[in-house]
Amino acid sequence: MKTISALIDFSETSNVATQYACWLAQKNNATVNLVHIAASNDISTNELEQKLVDFTKIKDQGVSYSVSIGSGDYTQQIPRLLQLSDSDFVVIGTHGVKGIFQTLFGANVIKLIQSINISALVVQDSTPLPKDNISHILFPMGPHENFQLKIKETAEWAKNIKATVDVFCLLKEDGEIHDSILKNLEDTKSYFDKEGIDYKTVMRESRVYSIGYAREILDYAEESNCGLLAIMSQISEENRYFGNVDKTNMVLNPKGIPVLCIGGR
């Protein structure tokens, strides 16, 4: 990571996003880019930049920083500003009724992370502030064709924050692992072994009837006290009909677990 953007709308959630962006920047010697979409032209750009600096207390964080400001439709402006700032990662706070990004909630967050070409970390109001003891990553298996992206980036995170990984495989319906998931599981174990990642494989049979996998993934996340949940940004062809609902449920998880959304387009 060289440039880590954080979306700022002066809500408490964007304060959490700033803390995570700075934490990652310190670990990667990266620059933090504060991204804001202005609601109006009531104040000058210079005044707004100063307001962002003051609100985030970015000068006290011990990182280099820049500021990107746009106006208009956030679904168009955010991808544009991320590209202009050459960001290679973004931290997004999701919430309901507060701030300029009040529509940046649930399914709209999923639409945003699927519209950009970089990975994202999604946090909530209730997400604990980052500490070095975020040492446990939950890695659910999936049938995606480009699953190598998730394997490699999760391995990088595990090394960076010295975390263990639970490779979680949920057996549905017939009790067997579908061929695409089995291949991705074998690739995951092979890559983690090669990179020296501390991991364990968890195989679970489905215990409840549900559409999708989010409920049981989140049950295990709570049971195992995971500090980070890693998912793919895009849905797989096999999960086309419920994939985005599953992803929405995970990014809005009631425990506020930060969610690493890997891949972009």
C-alpha atoms as a PDB file:
ATOM      1  CA  MET A   1       0.000   0.000   0.000  1.00  0.00           C
ATOM      2  CA  LYS A   2       1.278   3.455  -0.927  1.00  0.00           C
ATOM      3  CA  THR A   3      -1.822   5.655  -0.729  1.00  0.00           C
ATOM      4  CA  ILE A   4      -4.688   4.741   1.595  1.00  0.00           C
ATOM      5  CA  SER A   5      -7.837   6.811   1.199  1.00  0.00           C
ATOM      6  CA  ALA A   6     -10.417   7.349   3.944  1.00  0.00           C
ATOM      7  CA  LEU A   7     -13.908   8.639   3.182  1.00  0.00           C
ATOM      8  CA  ILE A   8     -14.716  11.549   5.483  1.00  0.00           C
ATOM      9  CA  ASP A   9     -18.198  13.036   6.004  1.00  0.00           C
ATOM     10  CA  PHE A  10     -17.674  14.469   9.522  1.00  0.00           C
ATOM     11  CA  SER A  11     -19.577  11.602  11.151  1.00  0.00           C
ATOM     12  CA  GLU A  12     -18.295   9.481  14.017  1.00  0.00           C
ATOM     13  CA  THR A  13     -17.981   6.605  11.573  1.00  0.00           C
ATOM     14  CA  SER A  14     -15.534   8.512   9.411  1.00  0.00           C
ATOM     15  CA  ASN A  15     -13.436   9.088  12.535  1.00  0.00           C
ATOM     16  CA  VAL A  16     -13.183   5.296  12.857  1.00  0.00           C
ATOM     17  CA  ALA A  17     -12.253   5.115   9.163  1.00  0.00           C
ATOM     18  CA  THR A  18      -9.499   7.693   9.706  1.00  0.00           C
ATOM     19  CA  GLN A  19      -8.039   5.711  12.612  1.00  0.00           C
ATOM     20  CA  TYR A  20      -7.868   2.558  10.496  1.00  0.00           C
ATOM     21  CA  ALA A  21      -6.357   4.385   7.524  1.00  0.00           C
ATOM     22  CA  CYS A  22      -3.654   5.891   9.751  1.00  0.00           C
ATOM     23  CA  TRP A  23      -2.986   2.556  11.454  1.00  0.00           C
ATOM     24  CA  LEU A  24      -2.465   0.903   8.076  1.00  0.00           C
ATOM     25  CA  ALA A  25      -0.359   3.820   6.821  1.00  0.00           C
ATOM     26  CA  GLN A  26       1.964   3.519   9.801  1.00  0.00           C
ATOM     27  CA  LYS A  27       2.428  -0.199   9.145  1.00  0.00           C
ATOM     28  CA  ASN A  28       3.065   0.313   5.417  1.00  0.00           C
ATOM     29  CA  ASN A  29       4.852   3.695   5.369  1.00  0.00           C
ATOM     30  CA  ALA A  30       1.967   4.954   3.253  1.00  0.00           C
ATOM     31  CA  THR A  31       0.193   8.273   2.727  1.00  0.00           C
ATOM     32  CA  VAL A  32      -3.360   8.849   3.951  1.00  0.00           C
ATOM     33  CA  ASN A  33      -5.677  10.595   1.489  1.00  0.00           C
ATOM     34  CA  LEU A  34      -8.743  12.231   3.049  1.00  0.00           C
ATOM     35  CA  VAL A  35     -11.661  12.053   0.576  1.00  0.00           C
ATOM     36  CA  HIS A  36     -14.715  14.271   0.981  1.00  0.00           C
ATOM     37  CA  ILE A  37     -17.743  14.919  -1.233  1.00  0.00           C
ATOM     38  CA  ALA A  38     -19.011  18.444  -0.568  1.00  0.00           C
ATOM     39  CA  ALA A  39     -22.754  18.919  -0.190  1.00  0.00           C
ATOM     40  CA  SER A  40     -22.664  22.566  -1.275  1.00  0.00           C
ATOM     41  CA  ASN A  41     -20.323  25.431  -2.090  1.00  0.00           C
ATOM     42  CA  ASP A  42     -21.014  27.304   1.142  1.00  0.00           C
ATOM     43  CA  ILE A  43     -17.328  27.439   2.072  1.00  0.00           C
ATOM     44  CA  SER A  44     -14.168  27.656   0.010  1.00  0.00           C
ATOM     45  CA  THR A  45     -12.047  24.638  -0.848  1.00  0.00           C
ATOM     46  CA  ASN A  46      -9.258  25.924   1.399  1.00  0.00           C
ATOM     47  CA  GLU A  47     -11.644  26.265   4.332  1.00  0.00           C
ATOM     48  CA  LEU A  48     -13.028  22.795   3.722  1.00  0.00           C
ATOM     49  CA  GLU A  49      -9.537  21.290   3.552  1.00  0.00           C
ATOM     50  CA  GLN A  50      -8.696  22.893   6.897  1.00  0.00           C
ATOM     51  CA  LYS A  51     -11.943  21.614   8.384  1.00  0.00           C
ATOM     52  CA  LEU A  52     -11.048  18.076   7.267  1.00  0.00           C
ATOM     53  CA  VAL A  53      -7.556  18.351   8.750  1.00  0.00           C
ATOM     54  CA  ASP A  54      -8.941  19.658  12.049  1.00  0.00           C
ATOM     55  CA  PHE A  55     -11.744  17.087  12.262  1.00  0.00           C
ATOM     56  CA  THR A  56      -9.508  14.082  11.602  1.00  0.00           C
ATOM     57  CA  LYS A  57      -6.574  15.400  13.664  1.00  0.00           C
ATOM     58  CA  ILE A  58      -4.456  13.977  10.876  1.00  0.00           C
ATOM     59  CA  LYS A  59      -1.449  16.103  11.854  1.00  0.00           C
ATOM     60  CA  ASP A  60      -1.278  14.245  15.165  1.00  0.00           C
ATOM     61  CA  GLN A  61      -1.237  10.795  13.554  1.00  0.00           C
ATOM     62  CA  GLY A  62       2.398  10.731  12.445  1.00  0.00           C
ATOM     63  CA  VAL A  63       1.600  10.053   8.779  1.00  0.00           C
ATOM     64  CA  SER A  64       1.917  12.006   5.573  1.00  0.00           C
ATOM     65  CA  TYR A  65      -1.433  13.028   4.128  1.00  0.00           C
ATOM     66  CA  SER A  66      -3.279  14.626   1.237  1.00  0.00           C
ATOM     67  CA  VAL A  67      -6.840  15.845   0.720  1.00  0.00           C
ATOM     68  CA  SER A  68      -9.221  15.145  -2.181  1.00  0.00           C
ATOM     69  CA  ILE A  69     -12.500  17.057  -2.461  1.00  0.00           C
ATOM     70  CA  GLY A  70     -15.293  16.573  -4.972  1.00  0.00           C
ATOM     71  CA  SER A  71     -18.946  17.523  -5.340  1.00  0.00           C
ATOM     72  CA  GLY A  72     -21.968  15.860  -6.870  1.00  0.00           C
ATOM     73  CA  ASP A  73     -22.939  12.197  -7.077  1.00  0.00           C
ATOM     74  CA  TYR A  74     -20.713  10.272  -4.659  1.00  0.00           C
ATOM     75  CA  THR A  75     -21.038   7.071  -6.724  1.00  0.00           C
ATOM     76  CA  GLN A  76     -19.247   8.874  -9.558  1.00  0.00           C
ATOM     77  CA  GLN A  77     -17.029  11.225  -7.568  1.00  0.00           C
ATOM     78  CA  ILE A  78     -15.491   8.723  -5.159  1.00  0.00           C
ATOM     79  CA  PRO A  79     -14.095   6.377  -7.859  1.00  0.00           C
ATOM     80  CA  ARG A  80     -12.803   9.450  -9.742  1.00  0.00           C
ATOM     81  CA  LEU A  81     -11.033  10.885  -6.684  1.00  0.00           C
ATOM     82  CA  LEU A  82      -9.538   7.513  -5.781  1.00  0.00           C
ATOM     83  CA  GLN A  83      -8.123   7.228  -9.269  1.00  0.00           C
ATOM     84  CA  LEU A  84      -6.788  10.800  -9.316  1.00  0.00           C
ATOM     85  CA  SER A  85      -5.018  10.297  -5.985  1.00  0.00           C
ATOM     86  CA  ASP A  86      -3.568   6.963  -7.188  1.00  0.00           C
ATOM     87  CA  SER A  87      -5.042   5.246  -4.125  1.00  0.00           C
ATOM     88  CA  ASP A  88      -4.440   1.537  -3.842  1.00  0.00           C
ATOM     89  CA  PHE A  89      -6.705   0.990  -0.824  1.00  0.00           C
ATOM     90  CA  VAL A  90      -9.700   2.724   0.749  1.00  0.00           C
ATOM     91  CA  VAL A  91     -11.342   2.663   4.178  1.00  0.00           C
ATOM     92  CA  ILE A  92     -15.103   3.187   4.147  1.00  0.00           C
ATOM     93  CA  GLY A  93     -17.387   3.879   7.106  1.00  0.00           C
ATOM     94  CA  THR A  94     -20.958   2.686   6.722  1.00  0.00           C
ATOM     95  CA  HIS A  95     -23.884   4.141   8.680  1.00  0.00           C
ATOM     96  CA  GLY A  96     -27.509   5.066   8.307  1.00  0.00           C
ATOM     97  CA  VAL A  97     -28.826   8.547   9.000  1.00  0.00           C
ATOM     98  CA  LYS A  98     -25.806  10.698   9.796  1.00  0.00           C
ATOM     99  CA  GLY A  99     -23.519  12.731   7.598  1.00  0.00           C
ATOM    100  CA  ILE A 100     -23.296  13.660   3.951  1.00  0.00           C
ATOM    101  CA  PHE A 101     -22.949   9.996   2.979  1.00  0.00           C
ATOM    102  CA  GLN A 102     -26.220   9.083   4.693  1.00  0.00           C
ATOM    103  CA  THR A 103     -27.113   7.013   1.621  1.00  0.00           C
ATOM    104  CA  LEU A 104     -23.805   5.143   1.937  1.00  0.00           C
ATOM    105  CA  PHE A 105     -25.448   2.356   3.842  1.00  0.00           C
ATOM    106  CA  GLY A 106     -25.838  -1.367   3.309  1.00  0.00           C
ATOM    107  CA  ALA A 107     -26.348  -2.259  -0.330  1.00  0.00           C
ATOM    108  CA  ASN A 108     -25.017   1.136  -1.437  1.00  0.00           C
ATOM    109  CA  VAL A 109     -21.658   0.341   0.168  1.00  0.00           C
ATOM    110  CA  ILE A 110     -21.579  -2.928  -1.754  1.00  0.00           C
ATOM    111  CA  LYS A 111     -22.314  -1.058  -4.998  1.00  0.00           C
ATOM    112  CA  LEU A 112     -19.475   1.360  -4.231  1.00  0.00           C
ATOM    113  CA  ILE A 113     -16.830  -1.257  -3.468  1.00  0.00           C
ATOM    114  CA  GLN A 114     -17.845  -3.151  -6.607  1.00  0.00           C
ATOM    115  CA  SER A 115     -17.448   0.001  -8.713  1.00  0.00           C
ATOM    116  CA  ILE A 116     -13.811   0.645  -7.807  1.00  0.00           C
ATOM    117  CA  ASN A 117     -10.635  -1.134  -8.861  1.00  0.00           C
ATOM    118  CA  ILE A 118      -9.073  -1.413  -5.404  1.00  0.00           C
ATOM    119  CA  SER A 119      -9.752  -3.290  -2.205  1.00  0.00           C
ATOM    120  CA  ALA A 120     -11.606  -1.689   0.691  1.00  0.00           C
ATOM    121  CA  LEU A 121     -11.951  -2.008   4.440  1.00  0.00           C
ATOM    122  CA  VAL A 122     -15.499  -1.374   5.694  1.00  0.00           C
ATOM    123  CA  VAL A 123     -15.983  -0.218   9.295  1.00  0.00           C
ATOM    124  CA  GLN A 124     -18.988   0.849  11.370  1.00  0.00           C
ATOM    125  CA  ASP A 125     -19.735   3.118  14.334  1.00  0.00           C
ATOM    126  CA  SER A 126     -19.373   0.098  16.629  1.00  0.00           C
ATOM    127  CA  THR A 127     -16.088  -1.149  15.133  1.00  0.00           C
ATOM    128  CA  PRO A 128     -13.353  -1.180  17.798  1.00  0.00           C
ATOM    129  CA  LEU A 129     -10.455   1.155  17.102  1.00  0.00           C
ATOM    130  CA  PRO A 130      -7.475  -0.653  15.556  1.00  0.00           C
ATOM    131  CA  LYS A 131      -4.903  -2.202  17.821  1.00  0.00           C
ATOM    132  CA  ASP A 132      -2.011  -4.552  17.230  1.00  0.00           C
ATOM    133  CA  ASN A 133      -4.013  -7.316  18.904  1.00  0.00           C
ATOM    134  CA  ILE A 134      -6.282  -7.631  15.847  1.00  0.00           C
ATOM    135  CA  SER A 135      -4.694 -11.001  15.377  1.00  0.00           C
ATOM    136  CA  HIS A 136      -7.375 -13.302  14.000  1.00  0.00           C
ATOM    137  CA  ILE A 137      -8.727 -13.263  10.420  1.00  0.00           C
ATOM    138  CA  LEU A 138     -11.795 -15.202   9.291  1.00  0.00           C
ATOM    139  CA  PHE A 139     -11.417 -16.376   5.694  1.00  0.00           C
ATOM    140  CA  PRO A 140     -14.637 -17.938   4.317  1.00  0.00           C
ATOM    141  CA  MET A 141     -14.217 -20.108   1.241  1.00  0.00           C
ATOM    142  CA  GLY A 142     -16.059 -19.282  -1.981  1.00  0.00           C
ATOM    143  CA  PRO A 143     -16.394 -20.461  -5.590  1.00  0.00           C
ATOM    144  CA  HIS A 144     -15.017 -17.298  -7.265  1.00  0.00           C
ATOM    145  CA  GLU A 145     -12.882 -17.821 -10.366  1.00  0.00           C
ATOM    146  CA  ASN A 146     -10.459 -15.081  -9.274  1.00  0.00           C
ATOM    147  CA  PHE A 147     -10.142 -16.357  -5.702  1.00  0.00           C
ATOM    148  CA  GLN A 148      -6.348 -16.047  -5.910  1.00  0.00           C
ATOM    149  CA  LEU A 149      -6.816 -12.312  -5.269  1.00  0.00           C
ATOM    150  CA  LYS A 150      -8.347 -13.058  -1.882  1.00  0.00           C
ATOM    151  CA  ILE A 151      -5.727 -15.677  -1.052  1.00  0.00           C
ATOM    152  CA  LYS A 152      -2.782 -13.385  -1.770  1.00  0.00           C
ATOM    153  CA  GLU A 153      -4.148 -10.254  -0.145  1.00  0.00           C
ATOM    154  CA  THR A 154      -5.250 -12.080   3.001  1.00  0.00           C
ATOM    155  CA  ALA A 155      -1.779 -13.602   3.268  1.00  0.00           C
ATOM    156  CA  GLU A 156      -0.271 -10.107   3.031  1.00  0.00           C
ATOM    157  CA  TRP A 157      -2.553  -8.880   5.808  1.00  0.00           C
ATOM    158  CA  ALA A 158      -1.763 -11.880   7.996  1.00  0.00           C
ATOM    159  CA  LYS A 159       1.950 -11.169   7.674  1.00  0.00           C
ATOM    160  CA  ASN A 160       1.528  -7.428   8.158  1.00  0.00           C
ATOM    161  CA  ILE A 161      -0.516  -7.628  11.360  1.00  0.00           C
ATOM    162  CA  LYS A 162       0.931 -10.972  12.537  1.00  0.00           C
ATOM    163  CA  ALA A 163      -2.469 -12.655  12.460  1.00  0.00           C
ATOM    164  CA  THR A 164      -3.637 -16.239  12.344  1.00  0.00           C
ATOM    165  CA  VAL A 165      -6.247 -17.240   9.749  1.00  0.00           C
ATOM    166  CA  ASP A 166      -9.284 -19.490  10.052  1.00  0.00           C
ATOM    167  CA  VAL A 167     -10.053 -20.944   6.612  1.00  0.00           C
ATOM    168  CA  PHE A 168     -13.793 -21.521   6.989  1.00  0.00           C
ATOM    169  CA  CYS A 169     -15.665 -23.932   4.723  1.00  0.00           C
ATOM    170  CA  LEU A 170     -19.413 -24.361   5.155  1.00  0.00           C
ATOM    171  CA  LEU A 171     -20.950 -27.556   3.776  1.00  0.00           C
ATOM    172  CA  LYS A 172     -24.472 -26.975   2.480  1.00  0.00           C
ATOM    173  CA  GLU A 173     -27.264 -29.315   1.389  1.00  0.00           C
ATOM    174  CA  ASP A 174     -25.529 -32.464   0.088  1.00  0.00           C
ATOM    175  CA  GLY A 175     -22.665 -32.271   2.593  1.00  0.00           C
ATOM    176  CA  GLU A 176     -20.036 -32.230  -0.142  1.00  0.00           C
ATOM    177  CA  ILE A 177     -17.657 -29.505  -1.266  1.00  0.00           C
ATOM    178  CA  HIS A 178     -18.416 -28.288  -4.754  1.00  0.00           C
ATOM    179  CA  ASP A 179     -15.541 -28.612  -7.223  1.00  0.00           C
ATOM    180  CA  SER A 180     -14.892 -24.851  -7.508  1.00  0.00           C
ATOM    181  CA  ILE A 181     -14.694 -24.436  -3.737  1.00  0.00           C
ATOM    182  CA  LEU A 182     -12.527 -27.540  -3.361  1.00  0.00           C
ATOM    183  CA  LYS A 183     -10.057 -26.159  -5.904  1.00  0.00           C
ATOM    184  CA  ASN A 184      -9.952 -22.786  -4.114  1.00  0.00           C
ATOM    185  CA  LEU A 185      -9.466 -24.547  -0.782  1.00  0.00           C
ATOM    186  CA  GLU A 186      -6.521 -26.524  -2.151  1.00  0.00           C
ATOM    187  CA  ASP A 187      -5.025 -23.352  -3.654  1.00  0.00           C
ATOM    188  CA  THR A 188      -5.470 -21.520  -0.348  1.00  0.00           C
ATOM    189  CA  LYS A 189      -3.731 -24.178   1.720  1.00  0.00           C
ATOM    190  CA  SER A 190      -0.912 -24.504  -0.809  1.00  0.00           C
ATOM    191  CA  TYR A 191      -0.282 -20.740  -0.905  1.00  0.00           C
ATOM    192  CA  PHE A 192      -0.547 -20.281   2.862  1.00  0.00           C
ATOM    193  CA  ASP A 193       1.873 -23.165   3.403  1.00  0.00           C
ATOM    194  CA  LYS A 194       4.348 -21.642   0.939  1.00  0.00           C
ATOM    195  CA  GLU A 195       4.106 -18.201   2.587  1.00  0.00           C
ATOM    196  CA  GLY A 196       4.326 -19.523   6.134  1.00  0.00           C
ATOM    197  CA  ILE A 197       0.867 -18.300   7.173  1.00  0.00           C
ATOM    198  CA  ASP A 198      -0.377 -19.600  10.529  1.00  0.00           C
ATOM    199  CA  TYR A 199      -3.807 -21.013   9.661  1.00  0.00           C
ATOM    200  CA  LYS A 200      -6.281 -23.751  10.417  1.00  0.00           C
ATOM    201  CA  THR A 201      -9.038 -25.243   8.266  1.00  0.00           C
ATOM    202  CA  VAL A 202     -12.524 -25.264   9.781  1.00  0.00           C
ATOM    203  CA  MET A 203     -15.124 -27.507   8.125  1.00  0.00           C
ATOM    204  CA  ARG A 204     -18.714 -27.018   9.250  1.00  0.00           C
ATOM    205  CA  GLU A 205     -21.988 -28.600   8.204  1.00  0.00           C
ATOM    206  CA  SER A 206     -24.860 -26.155   7.865  1.00  0.00           C
ATOM    207  CA  ARG A 207     -26.893 -26.117  11.080  1.00  0.00           C
ATOM    208  CA  VAL A 208     -29.700 -23.778  10.040  1.00  0.00           C
ATOM    209  CA  TYR A 209     -31.809 -23.237   6.947  1.00  0.00           C
ATOM    210  CA  SER A 210     -30.935 -19.920   5.348  1.00  0.00           C
ATOM    211  CA  ILE A 211     -30.563 -18.360   1.943  1.00  0.00           C
ATOM    212  CA  GLY A 212     -26.861 -17.700   1.562  1.00  0.00           C
ATOM    213  CA  TYR A 213     -23.972 -18.102   3.966  1.00  0.00           C
ATOM    214  CA  ALA A 214     -23.719 -14.863   5.966  1.00  0.00           C
ATOM    215  CA  ARG A 215     -25.614 -16.009   9.040  1.00  0.00           C
ATOM    216  CA  GLU A 216     -23.394 -18.996   9.747  1.00  0.00           C
ATOM    217  CA  ILE A 217     -20.208 -17.151   8.817  1.00  0.00           C
ATOM    218  CA  LEU A 218     -21.092 -14.429  11.330  1.00  0.00           C
ATOM    219  CA  ASP A 219     -22.045 -17.013  13.966  1.00  0.00           C
ATOM    220  CA  TYR A 220     -18.573 -18.508  13.625  1.00  0.00           C
ATOM    221  CA  ALA A 221     -16.988 -15.044  13.623  1.00  0.00           C
ATOM    222  CA  GLU A 222     -18.569 -14.361  17.012  1.00  0.00           C
ATOM    223  CA  GLU A 223     -17.739 -17.820  18.325  1.00  0.00           C
ATOM    224  CA  SER A 224     -14.076 -17.557  17.296  1.00  0.00           C
ATOM    225  CA  ASN A 225     -13.704 -13.894  18.305  1.00  0.00           C
ATOM    226  CA  CYS A 226     -12.277 -12.928  14.926  1.00  0.00           C
ATOM    227  CA  GLY A 227     -10.917  -9.416  14.496  1.00  0.00           C
ATOM    228  CA  LEU A 228     -11.203  -9.164  10.704  1.00  0.00           C
ATOM    229  CA  LEU A 229     -13.478 -10.765   8.113  1.00  0.00           C
ATOM    230  CA  ALA A 230     -12.121 -11.193   4.559  1.00  0.00           C
ATOM    231  CA  ILE A 231     -14.560 -11.434   1.631  1.00  0.00           C
ATOM    232  CA  MET A 232     -14.494 -10.866  -2.119  1.00  0.00           C
ATOM    233  CA  SER A 233     -15.930  -7.554  -3.337  1.00  0.00           C
ATOM    234  CA  GLN A 234     -17.657  -9.158  -6.295  1.00  0.00           C
ATOM    235  CA  ILE A 235     -20.214 -11.939  -6.145  1.00  0.00           C
ATOM    236  CA  SER A 236     -19.563 -15.283  -7.815  1.00  0.00           C
ATOM    237  CA  GLU A 237     -21.700 -16.594 -10.648  1.00  0.00           C
ATOM    238  CA  GLU A 238     -22.863 -19.462  -8.454  1.00  0.00           C
ATOM    239  CA  ASN A 239     -24.146 -17.013  -5.803  1.00  0.00           C
ATOM    240  CA  ARG A 240     -25.615 -14.481  -8.233  1.00  0.00           C
ATOM    241  CA  TYR A 241     -29.095 -14.426  -6.677  1.00  0.00           C
ATOM    242  CA  PHE A 242     -28.174 -13.902  -3.033  1.00  0.00           C
ATOM    243  CA  GLY A 243     -24.509 -12.838  -3.088  1.00  0.00           C
ATOM    244  CA  ASN A 244     -25.004  -9.114  -2.554  1.00  0.00           C
ATOM    245  CA  VAL A 245     -27.545  -9.699   0.214  1.00  0.00           C
ATOM    246  CA  ASP A 246     -24.966 -11.896   1.924  1.00  0.00           C
ATOM    247  CA  LYS A 247     -22.275  -9.241   1.525  1.00  0.00           C
ATOM    248  CA  THR A 248     -24.583  -6.526   2.873  1.00  0.00           C
ATOM    249  CA  ASN A 249     -25.322  -8.638   5.940  1.00  0.00           C
ATOM    250  CA  MET A 250     -21.609  -9.166   6.524  1.00  0.00           C
ATOM    251  CA  VAL A 251     -20.527  -5.518   6.192  1.00  0.00           C
ATOM    252  CA  LEU A 252     -23.375  -4.565   8.563  1.00  0.00           C
ATOM    253  CA  ASN A 253     -22.515  -7.333  11.032  1.00  0.00           C
ATOM    254  CA  PRO A 254     -23.875  -6.526  14.522  1.00  0.00           C
ATOM    255  CA  LYS A 255     -20.485  -6.907  16.218  1.00  0.00           C
ATOM    256  CA  GLY A 256     -18.913  -4.201  14.062  1.00  0.00           C
ATOM    257  CA  ILE A 257     -16.159  -6.539  12.838  1.00  0.00           C
ATOM    258  CA  PRO A 258     -14.134  -4.716  10.150  1.00  0.00           C
ATOM    259  CA  VAL A 259     -14.617  -6.339   6.749  1.00  0.00           C
ATOM    260  CA  LEU A 260     -11.835  -6.563   4.171  1.00  0.00           C
ATOM    261  CA  CYS A 261     -13.466  -6.511   0.722  1.00  0.00           C
ATOM    262  CA  ILE A 262     -10.937  -7.779  -1.775  1.00  0.00           C
ATOM    263  CA  GLY A 263     -10.596  -7.307  -5.449  1.00  0.00           C
ATOM    264  CA  GLY A 264     -12.489  -4.449  -7.053  1.00  0.00           C
ATOM    265  CA  ARG A 265     -13.459  -5.082 -10.658  1.00  0.00           C
END
